[in-house]
Structure formats: structure tokens, C-alpha cells
Amino acid sequence: MPKLVTPLNDTQVKKAKPKEKEYLLSDGKGLALRVKPNGSKMWLFTYSKPYTKKRAQISFGMYSDVTLSDARTSRDEARALLAKNIDPKEHKEAFANHKAAEAKSTFEAVVKEWIALKEPKVSARYAFNLRRGFELHLFPSLGKVPISKLSAQQAIAALKPLAAADKLDILGRICRRVNEVMEFAINTGRIQTNNLSGISKAFDSAKHESMASFTPKELPKLINIVNSANIKLMTRCLFEWQLHTMVRPGEAAGAAWNEIDFENKLWNIPIERMKKRKPHTVPLSPQALAILEYLKPISSHREFIFPADKDPRAHASRETLGAALRRMGLIGKQTAHGLRALASTTLNEQGFDSDVIEAALAHVDKNKVRAAYNRTDYLERRRKMMCWWSDHIEEASKGNYSVTGNTHLKAI
């Protein structure tokens, strides 16, 4: 028959004096107070481990920090775990490890890990924009929050300033990226569910105008508007360059002199500057080469063809041309990216091979099987097409002059 133990009371615990050797004061059901010769008092729980039945001990803390009542609560919780064949000591260690891992898995830490994983697959510019979006809009308020504790309400509150500023396009991109991060956190065992999956529904959607463009018949009108606008010379050059080469705004603005092969009349854009992480070669028409010749005295001593105004060592912003078009009153009518749509629509209407057009636009075939077999870049066919496109621009530019000053080009 088990020995009956009289439970302790607060007075006994408080007045327990140290002896020459440490001793135990039992409270019953495995709980005891260990009193050491130096006067320290610690709560201990002795139990039999599940399955092996080996004796084990776990500490509930010092009496100076843990009252008798608290120690009994901890004992009862430990006994409840044992009833489920859970070792309370192992459970405590696992919980401590979980809390430590949680402290390391802050939202900022997981985002940076996710970006590091994506970085080799995207352009340097894209990776920079990824980091910048989180640094500006989310890290200040959410960076130190454990990702497992992050709530939709917190994320929505952090993003409200973007909505208030009507920056809905940026807001939409960040919401999508946040959800990618949360999926990454699930796959790496940080969280079980994505609490932020619906945050975009708390805001209005952006009206997408990234491809807004004039129709092919309106090309002369567009050229006339730009020609009449009060814009900087370098912006005018950038407009002509992007229109003739059919590249993306960021690729045009970041063009470097060492990317130009004058001998073979080619512009070789390296992989790190391309959206699809694939190098792209642009055949240069006589009109495109004329733009470069015009710019040589202005910027050939620098790295970039289109230097930034504030820092000539850097290149112009990818937003430069888009901002200029907006100032011309073309919001919703023509964007910088839409110049590619204008070129594509025109070339398709003229009967050019759609594969050649797609290659000129550096689009990646979404059909992976087809893409595996179709590895040609149609360079020579693109060269002929690009020359036709520049001649078409020239024809549409009658009455306007190119920045080159060569009136016979009439390339705007």
C-alpha cells in the first residue's frame, strides 16, 4: 500500500532550513522540495518514464520564483501528460526548442531565406525589387514577428498606407509575394497553414494598364505627341531606343555600352538583366545604330548608354519613360511597356511569323515540350523584321525629326 504523504503548506516551505546535507520535503504525487545546504530550494517532480518505466526527474524551478501552488499546477500538468504516455521532460525540451526555432523564424528571416532561394533564378533588378518591397513596406512593422504568429490583421495594417496612397499595383505585387513566402514557410516546416492567404481581398484591385498602347494606325499620332512634348533629350533618346528595339523598359534603361556589338550590329543583353533569366540578342537596325552614334559623344565615356540624371554612374530608372508618358497625358492610353504591345500587334497584322515576333520580345514559350524542341532564336529572320519595323517607324514619323539630327532617317 502506497505510503500516505501529508501535503506541504506554505509555512513549511518558507521555514524549511538548510542542513548539512540536502534533503527533500515531499508534497505527494511525485512533487517534492529539495533543500540544499546553501539554502536554495528547488521544486522537483519524480516520475516513471512512459514505456521504459525508468525513474526520471524534472525541475519546476526555484521556490523563490515558483510558489507551492504553481508547482502543484505544473505537477498536475505533468501527470496529465504521463496519462497520455508523453514524457513531461521531453515535452518541455521540445517546447523550448520550438520556441527557440520560432524566435529564429521571424518574418524577416524567412523572407530573406526565400529571396536567397529565388535569386539565382531571377534578374538582379527583380531580386533588388523583391527585397526593396519588403524592406519599405513590411519589415518595419512585421520583420521581427515570428512567422507562426503573424496574423492577417497585422499584414493588412502594414499595407494600408499603400492603399491610402492609391499604389494598388505595388500593393497587389506585395500581397502575391507575401503568399509565396507563406507557402515557402509551410514547405520548410515553419507553419502549418497560411494565415495571410486572403489579405489581398481587403483592398481594391489595381486597374491593370501595364500594356495600354496606341493602335498600329495611331503610331504617327504617338510619335507626334512625344516629338511635341517638353522632355529631356535623354528621355527622348530612350523612347526612340525602346520603340526600335522592342525591349522591356528596364532592359532599355539599363543598356550598357559594353553590351553593344557594333561590328555585328547586335545588342547582347546578359542573363542577369533579363526578366526570364535567359540572355537576349537584339539585331540593331540602321535607325537604332544611328541613335547610338548620336549618343556616343554624350555618354560613351560612361558605363551606361542612358545615364541617370542625379548619378551619371548609374543608369536611368526603368520608370523614366513611363513617367514621361504620364506627364504627356497618356495615362491609360500608352505606357512604356505598351510599346512592345504596339510593335507586336503591328508585326502580327503585317503577317510576320508569330514565333519570330515572340523571340524578338524575349518571351518564353509556356509549352515546355514545344520549347525544348524549338531552341532557335531566329536571329537573321528577326534582323529583317527589326529593319522593317524601324522603316515603319520612320514612315510614321514624317514631319518629325530624330534626335540624331539626320532628317533623312525621320525616326522621330
Protein backbone atom coordinates (compact mmCIF):
# COMPACT_ATOMS: atom_id res chain seq x y z
CA MET A 1 0.00 0.00 0.00
CA PRO A 2 1.47 3.39 -1.01
CA LYS A 3 2.79 5.49 1.80
CA LEU A 4 0.44 8.34 2.66
CA VAL A 5 2.09 11.75 2.38
CA THR A 6 0.76 14.82 4.11
CA PRO A 7 0.78 17.72 1.64
CA LEU A 8 3.04 20.66 2.42
CA ASN A 9 1.79 24.09 3.32
CA ASP A 10 3.30 27.49 2.56
CA THR A 11 4.63 27.91 6.11
CA GLN A 12 6.56 24.63 5.99
CA VAL A 13 8.09 25.51 2.64
CA LYS A 14 9.02 29.01 3.73
CA LYS A 15 10.55 27.91 7.05
CA ALA A 16 12.46 24.90 5.70
CA LYS A 17 16.06 25.37 6.93
CA PRO A 18 19.24 24.10 5.26
CA LYS A 19 21.01 21.12 6.81
CA GLU A 20 24.47 19.64 6.48
CA LYS A 21 23.18 17.51 3.61
CA GLU A 22 20.45 18.28 1.08
CA TYR A 23 17.06 16.78 1.80
CA LEU A 24 13.58 16.51 0.29
CA LEU A 25 10.22 17.64 1.60
CA SER A 26 7.53 15.62 -0.18
CA ASP A 27 4.19 17.14 -1.18
CA GLY A 28 2.83 13.92 -2.65
CA LYS A 29 2.12 12.58 -6.13
CA GLY A 30 5.78 12.90 -7.11
CA LEU A 31 6.29 16.54 -6.13
CA ALA A 32 8.99 17.45 -3.61
CA LEU A 33 11.00 20.45 -2.47
CA ARG A 34 14.76 19.90 -2.49
CA VAL A 35 16.59 21.97 0.14
CA LYS A 36 20.36 22.32 -0.32
CA PRO A 37 22.99 23.15 2.33
CA ASN A 38 23.41 26.61 0.80
CA GLY A 39 19.73 27.32 1.47
CA SER A 40 18.46 27.10 -2.13
CA LYS A 41 15.08 25.43 -2.60
CA MET A 42 14.01 23.77 -5.87
CA TRP A 43 10.81 22.01 -6.90
CA LEU A 44 11.33 18.51 -8.34
CA PHE A 45 8.91 16.07 -9.88
CA THR A 46 9.86 12.39 -9.87
CA TYR A 47 8.08 10.02 -12.24
CA SER A 48 8.38 6.82 -14.24
CA LYS A 49 9.08 7.31 -17.95
CA PRO A 50 6.41 6.00 -20.32
CA TYR A 51 7.08 2.55 -21.79
CA THR A 52 10.53 2.03 -20.16
CA LYS A 53 9.28 2.81 -16.61
CA LYS A 54 12.72 4.14 -15.71
CA ARG A 55 12.71 6.75 -12.96
CA ALA A 56 13.29 10.33 -14.05
CA GLN A 57 13.15 13.83 -12.62
CA ILE A 58 12.16 17.23 -13.93
CA SER A 59 12.63 20.62 -12.28
CA PHE A 60 9.80 23.11 -11.98
CA GLY A 61 12.08 25.94 -10.86
CA MET A 62 13.30 27.61 -7.67
CA TYR A 63 10.94 28.27 -4.77
CA SER A 64 11.94 31.94 -4.94
CA ASP A 65 10.30 32.05 -8.41
CA VAL A 66 7.67 29.30 -8.21
CA THR A 67 5.09 29.12 -5.43
CA LEU A 68 3.77 25.89 -3.92
CA SER A 69 0.51 26.42 -5.79
CA ASP A 70 2.32 26.90 -9.12
CA ALA A 71 4.47 23.82 -8.50
CA ARG A 72 1.35 21.73 -7.89
CA THR A 73 -0.17 23.03 -11.14
CA SER A 74 2.98 22.01 -13.02
CA ARG A 75 2.87 18.59 -11.35
CA ASP A 76 -0.75 18.06 -12.35
CA GLU A 77 0.06 19.07 -15.95
CA ALA A 78 2.99 16.62 -15.98
CA ARG A 79 0.78 13.83 -14.64
CA ALA A 80 -1.80 14.59 -17.33
CA LEU A 81 0.92 14.19 -19.98
CA LEU A 82 2.05 10.91 -18.43
CA ALA A 83 -1.51 9.65 -18.61
CA LYS A 84 -1.17 10.08 -22.39
CA ASN A 85 2.23 8.33 -22.40
CA ILE A 86 4.04 11.63 -23.00
CA ASP A 87 7.29 12.22 -21.15
CA PRO A 88 6.94 15.66 -19.46
CA LYS A 89 10.67 16.34 -19.58
CA GLU A 90 10.89 15.57 -23.30
CA HIS A 91 7.73 17.60 -23.85
CA LYS A 92 9.29 20.57 -22.05
CA GLU A 93 12.51 20.31 -24.09
CA ALA A 94 10.57 20.03 -27.35
CA PHE A 95 8.54 23.11 -26.43
CA ALA A 96 11.72 25.04 -25.59
CA ASN A 97 13.26 24.00 -28.92
CA HIS A 98 10.09 25.06 -30.72
CA LYS A 99 10.16 28.48 -29.05
CA ALA A 100 13.85 28.90 -29.94
CA ALA A 101 13.17 27.95 -33.56
CA GLU A 102 10.17 30.28 -33.60
CA ALA A 103 12.34 33.15 -32.38
CA LYS A 104 14.76 32.50 -35.25
CA SER A 105 11.97 32.11 -37.83
CA THR A 106 10.87 35.72 -37.86
CA PHE A 107 9.01 37.02 -40.90
CA GLU A 108 12.13 38.92 -42.00
CA ALA A 109 14.40 35.87 -41.63
CA VAL A 110 12.06 33.65 -43.67
CA VAL A 111 11.63 36.31 -46.37
CA LYS A 112 15.41 36.64 -46.74
CA GLU A 113 15.76 32.87 -46.97
CA TRP A 114 13.05 32.79 -49.64
CA ILE A 115 14.72 35.59 -51.64
CA ALA A 116 18.08 33.79 -51.45
CA LEU A 117 16.38 30.75 -52.98
CA LYS A 118 14.83 32.80 -55.80
CA GLU A 119 17.86 34.99 -56.53
CA PRO A 120 19.68 32.57 -58.88
CA LYS A 121 16.52 32.26 -60.98
CA VAL A 122 15.69 35.95 -61.47
CA SER A 123 17.42 39.08 -62.72
CA ALA A 124 19.45 41.24 -60.35
CA ARG A 125 16.90 44.02 -60.81
CA TYR A 126 14.00 41.73 -59.95
CA ALA A 127 15.79 40.46 -56.83
CA PHE A 128 16.50 44.04 -55.76
CA ASN A 129 12.83 44.95 -56.18
CA LEU A 130 11.80 41.91 -54.14
CA ARG A 131 13.98 42.97 -51.22
CA ARG A 132 13.06 46.63 -51.53
CA GLY A 133 9.32 45.98 -51.37
CA PHE A 134 9.61 44.05 -48.11
CA GLU A 135 12.14 46.48 -46.61
CA LEU A 136 10.00 49.53 -47.30
CA HIS A 137 6.52 48.26 -46.54
CA LEU A 138 6.62 45.21 -44.26
CA PHE A 139 9.87 44.78 -42.31
CA PRO A 140 9.47 47.98 -40.21
CA SER A 141 6.32 46.65 -38.51
CA LEU A 142 6.38 42.90 -39.18
CA GLY A 143 10.05 41.96 -39.58
CA LYS A 144 10.63 40.78 -36.00
CA VAL A 145 7.31 38.94 -35.65
CA PRO A 146 7.66 35.12 -35.63
CA ILE A 147 6.09 33.96 -38.88
CA SER A 148 3.96 31.46 -36.96
CA LYS A 149 2.41 34.36 -35.00
CA LEU A 150 1.77 36.61 -37.99
CA SER A 151 -1.90 37.44 -38.45
CA ALA A 152 -3.86 38.70 -41.43
CA GLN A 153 -4.85 41.77 -39.40
CA GLN A 154 -1.19 42.68 -38.82
CA ALA A 155 -0.32 42.31 -42.50
CA ILE A 156 -3.35 44.31 -43.63
CA ALA A 157 -2.50 47.11 -41.19
CA ALA A 158 1.07 47.25 -42.54
CA LEU A 159 -0.19 47.53 -46.13
CA LYS A 160 -2.91 50.13 -45.57
CA PRO A 161 -0.57 53.10 -46.28
CA LEU A 162 -0.05 51.73 -49.82
CA ALA A 163 -3.80 51.52 -50.33
CA ALA A 164 -4.25 55.04 -48.96
CA ALA A 165 -1.65 56.31 -51.44
CA ASP A 166 -3.53 54.53 -54.26
CA LYS A 167 -0.46 52.41 -55.03
CA LEU A 168 -2.64 49.41 -55.75
CA ASP A 169 -0.33 47.84 -58.31
CA ILE A 170 2.54 47.73 -55.81
CA LEU A 171 0.13 46.52 -53.14
CA GLY A 172 -1.06 43.66 -55.33
CA ARG A 173 2.51 42.54 -56.09
CA ILE A 174 3.45 42.56 -52.41
CA CYS A 175 0.36 40.53 -51.46
CA ARG A 176 1.30 37.90 -54.04
CA ARG A 177 4.88 37.78 -52.79
CA VAL A 178 3.78 37.52 -49.17
CA ASN A 179 1.73 34.47 -50.08
CA GLU A 180 4.72 32.93 -51.84
CA VAL A 181 6.73 33.44 -48.64
CA MET A 182 4.00 31.83 -46.56
CA GLU A 183 3.88 28.80 -48.88
CA PHE A 184 7.66 28.55 -48.54
CA ALA A 185 7.26 28.66 -44.74
CA ILE A 186 4.77 25.79 -44.90
CA ASN A 187 7.08 23.72 -47.09
CA THR A 188 10.01 24.30 -44.72
CA GLY A 189 8.02 23.33 -41.62
CA ARG A 190 7.74 26.78 -40.00
CA ILE A 191 3.94 26.91 -40.14
CA GLN A 192 1.07 24.53 -40.83
CA THR A 193 -1.34 26.89 -42.60
CA ASN A 194 -1.19 30.19 -44.48
CA ASN A 195 -2.97 32.78 -42.33
CA LEU A 196 -2.39 35.50 -44.94
CA SER A 197 -3.92 33.82 -47.98
CA GLY A 198 -6.80 36.29 -48.22
CA ILE A 199 -5.12 39.62 -47.40
CA SER A 200 -5.46 40.94 -50.96
CA LYS A 201 -9.26 40.78 -50.59
CA ALA A 202 -9.07 43.56 -48.00
CA PHE A 203 -8.07 46.02 -50.74
CA ASP A 204 -9.29 47.18 -54.13
CA SER A 205 -7.55 45.62 -57.12
CA ALA A 206 -5.37 47.73 -59.39
CA LYS A 207 -6.71 48.54 -62.82
CA HIS A 208 -4.00 46.97 -64.92
CA GLU A 209 -2.78 49.33 -67.60
CA SER A 210 0.75 47.97 -67.99
CA MET A 211 0.03 47.04 -71.63
CA ALA A 212 -2.01 50.13 -72.55
CA SER A 213 -0.95 51.19 -76.04
CA PHE A 214 -1.98 53.07 -79.14
CA THR A 215 -3.26 51.04 -82.08
CA PRO A 216 -0.95 50.47 -85.06
CA LYS A 217 -2.83 53.16 -87.02
CA GLU A 218 -2.18 55.63 -84.18
CA LEU A 219 1.62 55.29 -84.28
CA PRO A 220 2.06 58.62 -86.16
CA LYS A 221 -0.10 60.31 -83.51
CA LEU A 222 2.02 58.87 -80.68
CA ILE A 223 5.25 59.94 -82.35
CA ASN A 224 3.89 63.45 -82.84
CA ILE A 225 2.84 63.71 -79.17
CA VAL A 226 6.30 62.65 -77.98
CA ASN A 227 8.02 64.91 -80.51
CA SER A 228 5.99 67.90 -79.30
CA ALA A 229 6.46 67.16 -75.59
CA ASN A 230 8.76 69.14 -73.33
CA ILE A 231 11.00 66.26 -72.22
CA LYS A 232 14.71 65.86 -71.62
CA LEU A 233 16.94 64.84 -74.51
CA MET A 234 17.97 61.57 -72.84
CA THR A 235 14.32 60.64 -72.26
CA ARG A 236 13.59 61.29 -75.94
CA CYS A 237 16.52 59.07 -76.89
CA LEU A 238 15.30 56.37 -74.52
CA PHE A 239 11.84 56.48 -76.11
CA GLU A 240 13.29 56.02 -79.58
CA TRP A 241 15.63 53.25 -78.41
CA GLN A 242 12.90 51.25 -76.73
CA LEU A 243 10.48 51.72 -79.61
CA HIS A 244 13.00 50.50 -82.19
CA THR A 245 14.40 47.59 -80.14
CA MET A 246 11.10 46.30 -78.64
CA VAL A 247 12.69 45.51 -75.26
CA ARG A 248 11.20 45.96 -71.78
CA PRO A 249 11.53 49.36 -70.04
CA GLY A 250 14.11 48.10 -67.53
CA GLU A 251 16.20 46.44 -70.24
CA ALA A 252 16.20 49.64 -72.32
CA ALA A 253 17.03 51.95 -69.40
CA GLY A 254 19.88 49.69 -68.23
CA ALA A 255 21.56 49.34 -71.63
CA ALA A 256 25.37 49.42 -71.31
CA TRP A 257 27.92 50.30 -73.96
CA ASN A 258 29.79 47.02 -73.46
CA GLU A 259 26.63 45.15 -74.47
CA ILE A 260 26.74 46.61 -77.99
CA ASP A 261 28.48 44.66 -80.75
CA PHE A 262 28.90 47.36 -83.40
CA GLU A 263 30.73 45.05 -85.79
CA ASN A 264 27.86 42.57 -85.99
CA LYS A 265 25.15 45.15 -85.31
CA LEU A 266 23.86 43.35 -82.24
CA TRP A 267 22.85 44.25 -78.70
CA ASN A 268 23.63 41.37 -76.33
CA ILE A 269 21.66 41.68 -73.08
CA PRO A 270 23.14 39.43 -70.37
CA ILE A 271 21.10 36.88 -68.46
CA GLU A 272 21.13 38.80 -65.17
CA ARG A 273 19.27 41.72 -66.76
CA MET A 274 16.55 39.66 -68.40
CA LYS A 275 13.18 39.02 -66.78
CA LYS A 276 13.10 35.39 -67.89
CA ARG A 277 16.71 34.67 -66.92
CA LYS A 278 17.71 33.96 -70.49
CA PRO A 279 20.23 36.08 -72.46
CA HIS A 280 18.71 38.05 -75.30
CA THR A 281 20.25 39.35 -78.52
CA VAL A 282 18.65 42.24 -80.39
CA PRO A 283 19.57 42.81 -84.06
CA LEU A 284 20.12 46.56 -84.47
CA SER A 285 18.55 48.34 -87.42
CA PRO A 286 20.33 51.29 -89.10
CA GLN A 287 17.99 53.63 -87.19
CA ALA A 288 18.85 52.02 -83.83
CA LEU A 289 22.56 52.28 -84.65
CA ALA A 290 22.07 55.94 -85.57
CA ILE A 291 20.67 56.60 -82.09
CA LEU A 292 23.82 55.07 -80.59
CA GLU A 293 26.07 57.16 -82.82
CA TYR A 294 24.23 60.26 -81.67
CA LEU A 295 24.71 59.30 -78.02
CA LYS A 296 28.40 58.40 -78.26
CA PRO A 297 29.67 61.95 -77.57
CA ILE A 298 27.22 62.24 -74.67
CA SER A 299 27.64 59.01 -72.75
CA SER A 300 30.15 56.62 -74.36
CA HIS A 301 32.73 57.55 -71.71
CA ARG A 302 30.36 56.14 -69.10
CA GLU A 303 29.18 52.59 -68.43
CA PHE A 304 25.55 53.13 -69.37
CA ILE A 305 24.07 54.44 -72.61
CA PHE A 306 21.33 56.29 -70.72
CA PRO A 307 22.92 57.69 -67.53
CA ALA A 308 20.73 58.76 -64.62
CA ASP A 309 20.30 62.49 -64.09
CA LYS A 310 21.26 62.54 -60.43
CA ASP A 311 24.05 59.98 -60.64
CA PRO A 312 25.59 59.56 -64.12
CA ARG A 313 27.42 56.46 -62.87
CA ALA A 314 24.04 54.71 -62.66
CA HIS A 315 21.58 54.10 -65.48
CA ALA A 316 18.23 55.78 -65.96
CA SER A 317 15.31 54.41 -63.99
CA ARG A 318 13.02 51.87 -65.62
CA GLU A 319 10.22 54.28 -64.67
CA THR A 320 11.73 57.24 -66.58
CA LEU A 321 9.87 56.75 -69.84
CA GLY A 322 6.61 55.67 -68.20
CA ALA A 323 6.60 58.78 -66.02
CA ALA A 324 7.26 60.98 -69.07
CA LEU A 325 4.35 59.40 -70.97
CA ARG A 326 2.06 60.03 -68.00
CA ARG A 327 3.11 63.68 -67.90
CA MET A 328 2.13 63.89 -71.58
CA GLY A 329 -1.42 63.00 -70.55
CA LEU A 330 -1.25 59.42 -71.82
CA ILE A 331 -2.41 57.70 -68.63
CA GLY A 332 -4.45 54.67 -69.64
CA LYS A 333 -3.57 55.24 -73.31
CA GLN A 334 0.12 54.43 -73.64
CA THR A 335 2.68 53.02 -71.23
CA ALA A 336 6.36 52.30 -71.70
CA HIS A 337 5.71 48.56 -71.58
CA GLY A 338 2.86 49.04 -74.03
CA LEU A 339 5.34 50.00 -76.76
CA ARG A 340 6.08 46.29 -77.01
CA ALA A 341 2.37 45.56 -77.47
CA LEU A 342 2.21 48.22 -80.19
CA ALA A 343 5.14 46.61 -82.01
CA SER A 344 3.77 43.08 -81.57
CA THR A 345 0.29 43.99 -82.82
CA THR A 346 1.71 45.80 -85.85
CA LEU A 347 4.04 42.95 -86.80
CA ASN A 348 1.32 40.33 -86.37
CA GLU A 349 -1.04 42.38 -88.55
CA GLN A 350 1.67 42.54 -91.21
CA GLY A 351 1.90 38.75 -91.30
CA PHE A 352 5.28 38.20 -89.64
CA ASP A 353 5.81 34.75 -88.11
CA SER A 354 4.45 34.77 -84.55
CA ASP A 355 7.41 32.67 -83.33
CA VAL A 356 9.83 35.27 -84.70
CA ILE A 357 7.86 38.06 -83.02
CA GLU A 358 7.84 36.18 -79.70
CA ALA A 359 11.60 35.65 -79.98
CA ALA A 360 12.08 39.39 -80.61
CA LEU A 361 10.05 40.13 -77.46
CA ALA A 362 12.14 37.60 -75.47
CA HIS A 363 9.01 35.73 -74.46
CA VAL A 364 9.45 32.22 -73.10
CA ASP A 365 7.22 29.52 -74.58
CA LYS A 366 4.90 28.27 -71.81
CA ASN A 367 4.65 24.91 -73.59
CA LYS A 368 7.73 23.24 -72.10
CA VAL A 369 7.74 20.36 -74.60
CA ARG A 370 7.49 22.74 -77.53
CA ALA A 371 10.15 24.99 -76.03
CA ALA A 372 12.53 22.05 -75.63
CA TYR A 373 12.42 21.38 -79.39
CA ASN A 374 12.24 24.98 -80.53
CA ARG A 375 15.61 26.38 -79.42
CA THR A 376 16.34 28.70 -82.35
CA ASP A 377 16.35 32.45 -81.76
CA TYR A 378 15.53 33.26 -85.42
CA LEU A 379 18.33 35.86 -85.43
CA GLU A 380 18.52 36.51 -89.17
CA ARG A 381 14.77 36.49 -89.61
CA ARG A 382 14.50 38.87 -86.67
CA ARG A 383 17.10 41.15 -88.23
CA LYS A 384 14.93 41.54 -91.34
CA MET A 385 11.84 42.06 -89.20
CA MET A 386 13.53 44.67 -86.99
CA CYS A 387 14.68 46.58 -90.07
CA TRP A 388 11.12 46.54 -91.40
CA TRP A 389 9.85 47.77 -88.02
CA SER A 390 12.33 50.65 -87.93
CA ASP A 391 11.45 51.57 -91.52
CA HIS A 392 7.78 51.53 -90.50
CA ILE A 393 8.54 53.86 -87.57
CA GLU A 394 10.45 56.09 -89.97
CA GLU A 395 7.49 56.22 -92.34
CA ALA A 396 5.12 57.04 -89.47
CA SER A 397 7.49 59.80 -88.35
CA LYS A 398 7.17 62.05 -91.39
CA GLY A 399 7.20 65.65 -90.27
CA ASN A 400 9.14 64.80 -87.10
CA TYR A 401 12.88 64.57 -86.60
CA SER A 402 15.11 62.04 -84.93
CA VAL A 403 17.34 63.09 -82.05
CA THR A 404 20.22 62.15 -84.33
CA GLY A 405 19.53 65.26 -86.33
CA ASN A 406 19.59 63.22 -89.53
CA THR A 407 16.40 64.29 -91.26
CA HIS A 408 16.64 61.51 -93.81
CA LEU A 409 16.10 59.00 -91.01
CA LYS A 410 12.90 60.67 -89.89
CA ALA A 411 13.00 58.26 -86.97
CA ILE A 412 11.02 60.63 -84.77
